[in-house]
């Protein structure tokens, strides 16, 4: 109708992975929730969805282990 649709309008799920299995994710989430992994040492920066372009640009820096794009709900 307006010439543009958001992922939400089309009910798309966007997810990025690199050769990780569901078991890998379960293991890592278990380690994170048990405080066996300190994510403060891994997550270098977090950007709101509106600044996703800046987040992707920042992720090109080899010193950035993990850059997050966050989304808040009201």
Protein backbone atom coordinates (compact mmCIF):
# COMPACT_ATOMS: atom_id res chain seq x y z
CA UNK A 1 0.00 0.00 0.00
CA UNK A 2 2.76 2.46 0.94
CA UNK A 3 5.52 0.90 -1.18
CA UNK A 4 7.45 -0.36 1.86
CA UNK A 5 6.89 -3.15 4.34
CA UNK A 6 8.79 -3.84 7.50
CA UNK A 7 9.87 -7.37 8.47
CA UNK A 8 7.09 -7.28 11.07
CA UNK A 9 4.46 -6.54 8.42
CA UNK A 10 5.53 -9.61 6.47
CA UNK A 11 6.17 -11.70 9.61
CA UNK A 12 9.79 -12.44 8.71
CA UNK A 13 12.33 -13.66 11.23
CA UNK A 14 15.86 -12.38 10.70
CA UNK A 15 18.57 -14.42 12.37
CA UNK A 16 22.27 -14.67 11.71
CA UNK A 17 24.44 -17.66 12.51
CA UNK A 18 27.80 -19.03 11.55
CA UNK A 19 27.95 -22.83 11.63
CA UNK A 20 26.34 -23.15 15.06
CA UNK A 21 23.79 -25.78 15.97
CA UNK A 22 20.80 -25.55 18.30
CA UNK A 23 22.81 -27.57 20.85
CA UNK A 24 25.64 -25.02 20.62
CA UNK A 25 23.18 -22.23 21.45
CA UNK A 26 21.70 -24.19 24.36
CA UNK A 27 25.16 -24.86 25.76
CA UNK A 28 26.26 -21.24 25.47
CA UNK A 29 23.01 -19.92 26.99
CA UNK A 30 23.45 -22.32 29.90
CA UNK A 31 27.02 -21.10 30.43
CA UNK A 32 25.93 -17.46 30.27
CA UNK A 33 23.02 -17.89 32.70
CA UNK A 34 25.27 -19.76 35.15
CA UNK A 35 27.81 -16.89 34.98
CA UNK A 36 30.48 -19.24 33.65
CA UNK A 37 30.94 -16.78 30.77
CA UNK A 38 31.23 -13.06 31.43
CA UNK A 39 29.55 -11.41 28.44
CA UNK A 40 31.00 -8.04 29.43
CA UNK A 41 34.30 -9.32 28.00
CA UNK A 42 32.64 -10.32 24.72
CA UNK A 43 30.04 -7.66 23.91
CA UNK A 44 31.93 -4.56 22.83
CA UNK A 45 29.00 -2.35 21.87
CA UNK A 46 25.21 -2.34 21.68
CA UNK A 47 23.21 -0.20 19.28
CA UNK A 48 19.46 0.39 19.06
CA UNK A 49 17.73 -0.93 15.96
CA UNK A 50 17.56 2.58 14.55
CA UNK A 51 21.38 2.62 14.46
CA UNK A 52 21.84 -0.82 12.88
CA UNK A 53 23.96 0.70 10.11
CA UNK A 54 26.43 2.02 12.68
CA UNK A 55 26.45 -1.38 14.40
CA UNK A 56 27.33 -3.19 11.18
CA UNK A 57 30.04 -0.64 10.45
CA UNK A 58 31.46 -1.10 13.96
CA UNK A 59 31.46 -4.88 13.54
CA UNK A 60 34.01 -4.53 10.74
CA UNK A 61 36.61 -3.55 13.35
CA UNK A 62 38.56 -6.75 14.13
CA UNK A 63 38.84 -5.71 17.79
CA UNK A 64 35.05 -5.90 18.18
CA UNK A 65 34.31 -9.45 19.23
CA UNK A 66 30.54 -8.97 19.35
CA UNK A 67 28.36 -5.99 18.45
CA UNK A 68 24.67 -6.20 19.38
CA UNK A 69 21.66 -4.62 17.74
CA UNK A 70 18.98 -4.28 20.40
CA UNK A 71 15.27 -3.82 20.10
CA UNK A 72 13.05 -2.59 22.88
CA UNK A 73 9.31 -3.06 23.08
CA UNK A 74 6.91 -0.59 24.57
